[in-house]
């Protein structure tokens, strides 16, 4: 029996049907059965977004997950570059990354007719 998907903030059970996984050992995402090769940083970002789906991943959270407490981490704009490249890689799947400028990003599952 699998454990329910818990919100990392409030620990409530998230009622989300997702067919998305990210293997951080091999940097591969599987979205609706489609295998996608990712860089290590892209894998961490996508894994974080999927794990808190449908909630938004704040930019600071993604920076923390990718760069941790490094004193000389890059600008937050690098997250936008990673997201742009992830979007290109997942364009043939039923998933889309939306953003709220200045806040963060969230991944959503779309139907074929949506854009």
Protein backbone atom coordinates (compact mmCIF):
# COMPACT_ATOMS: atom_id res chain seq x y z
CA UNK A 1 0.00 0.00 0.00
CA UNK A 2 1.37 3.40 -0.96
CA UNK A 3 1.51 6.34 1.40
CA UNK A 4 -0.65 9.37 0.54
CA UNK A 5 0.98 12.46 -0.93
CA UNK A 6 1.40 14.85 2.03
CA UNK A 7 1.80 18.59 1.81
CA UNK A 8 5.30 19.48 3.07
CA UNK A 9 3.93 22.66 4.67
CA UNK A 10 0.73 21.64 6.47
CA UNK A 11 0.99 17.79 6.34
CA UNK A 12 -2.53 17.45 4.93
CA UNK A 13 -3.20 14.72 2.40
CA UNK A 14 -3.14 16.09 -1.14
CA UNK A 15 -5.83 14.54 -3.32
CA UNK A 16 -3.97 14.61 -6.59
CA UNK A 17 -3.95 11.97 -9.27
CA UNK A 18 -0.51 12.23 -10.81
CA UNK A 19 1.22 9.99 -13.24
CA UNK A 20 4.52 11.75 -12.84
CA UNK A 21 7.71 10.62 -11.16
CA UNK A 22 11.29 11.82 -11.13
CA UNK A 23 14.22 9.50 -10.50
CA UNK A 24 16.89 11.67 -8.88
CA UNK A 25 19.53 8.93 -9.14
CA UNK A 26 19.33 8.82 -12.93
CA UNK A 27 17.89 12.31 -13.62
CA UNK A 28 14.93 10.92 -15.54
CA UNK A 29 11.31 12.03 -15.31
CA UNK A 30 8.43 9.83 -16.38
CA UNK A 31 5.33 11.86 -17.20
CA UNK A 32 2.33 9.83 -18.37
CA UNK A 33 4.69 7.05 -19.47
CA UNK A 34 7.00 9.37 -21.43
CA UNK A 35 10.64 9.24 -20.30
CA UNK A 36 12.45 12.59 -20.22
CA UNK A 37 16.18 13.07 -19.64
CA UNK A 38 17.01 15.96 -17.32
CA UNK A 39 20.08 17.64 -15.91
CA UNK A 40 20.61 17.09 -12.17
CA UNK A 41 19.31 20.60 -11.34
CA UNK A 42 16.29 20.19 -13.63
CA UNK A 43 15.52 16.86 -11.97
CA UNK A 44 15.56 18.45 -8.50
CA UNK A 45 13.33 21.32 -9.64
CA UNK A 46 10.80 19.06 -11.36
CA UNK A 47 10.82 16.59 -8.45
CA UNK A 48 10.12 19.43 -6.01
CA UNK A 49 7.28 20.77 -8.13
CA UNK A 50 5.67 17.34 -8.56
CA UNK A 51 6.05 16.47 -4.88
CA UNK A 52 4.04 19.54 -3.79
CA UNK A 53 1.60 19.46 -6.69
CA UNK A 54 -0.92 21.19 -6.96
CA UNK A 55 0.64 23.85 -4.74
CA UNK A 56 3.02 26.48 -6.06
CA UNK A 57 6.76 26.06 -5.60
CA UNK A 58 8.14 29.40 -4.48
CA UNK A 59 11.31 30.51 -6.23
CA UNK A 60 13.21 30.59 -2.92
CA UNK A 61 12.20 26.96 -2.26
CA UNK A 62 13.55 25.85 -5.64
CA UNK A 63 16.77 27.82 -5.05
CA UNK A 64 17.16 26.15 -1.65
CA UNK A 65 16.56 22.66 -3.06
CA UNK A 66 19.05 23.15 -5.90
CA UNK A 67 21.79 25.21 -4.24
CA UNK A 68 21.19 24.73 -0.52
CA UNK A 69 23.10 27.03 1.77
CA UNK A 70 25.88 27.83 -0.70
CA UNK A 71 27.19 31.29 0.07
CA UNK A 72 27.81 32.16 -3.58
CA UNK A 73 24.72 30.74 -5.25
CA UNK A 74 23.62 32.34 -8.54
CA UNK A 75 20.77 34.77 -9.10
CA UNK A 76 17.17 33.55 -8.91
CA UNK A 77 17.00 34.10 -12.67
CA UNK A 78 18.81 30.79 -13.12
CA UNK A 79 15.64 29.05 -11.90
CA UNK A 80 13.75 30.75 -14.74
CA UNK A 81 16.30 29.38 -17.22
CA UNK A 82 15.92 25.85 -15.81
CA UNK A 83 12.10 26.16 -15.95
CA UNK A 84 12.28 27.33 -19.58
CA UNK A 85 14.37 24.29 -20.50
CA UNK A 86 12.10 21.92 -18.54
CA UNK A 87 9.07 23.37 -20.36
CA UNK A 88 10.70 22.53 -23.71
CA UNK A 89 11.37 18.98 -22.56
CA UNK A 90 7.83 18.34 -21.28
CA UNK A 91 5.96 20.00 -24.16
CA UNK A 92 4.83 16.62 -25.57
CA UNK A 93 3.33 15.48 -22.26
CA UNK A 94 0.07 16.33 -20.51
CA UNK A 95 1.89 18.59 -18.05
CA UNK A 96 2.45 22.33 -18.13
CA UNK A 97 4.43 24.65 -15.87
CA UNK A 98 2.66 27.90 -15.00
CA UNK A 99 4.21 30.81 -13.20
CA UNK A 100 3.09 33.71 -11.11
CA UNK A 101 5.74 36.32 -11.77
CA UNK A 102 7.72 37.16 -8.65
CA UNK A 103 6.16 34.30 -6.67
CA UNK A 104 6.96 30.90 -8.09
CA UNK A 105 5.89 28.06 -10.36
CA UNK A 106 3.49 25.16 -10.33
CA UNK A 107 3.04 22.19 -12.57
CA UNK A 108 -0.43 21.22 -13.70
CA UNK A 109 -1.83 18.29 -15.61
CA UNK A 110 -3.79 19.41 -18.63
CA UNK A 111 -6.18 17.68 -20.98
CA UNK A 112 -5.25 17.38 -24.65
CA UNK A 113 -7.57 20.23 -25.69
CA UNK A 114 -6.11 22.78 -23.22
CA UNK A 115 -3.09 24.92 -23.97
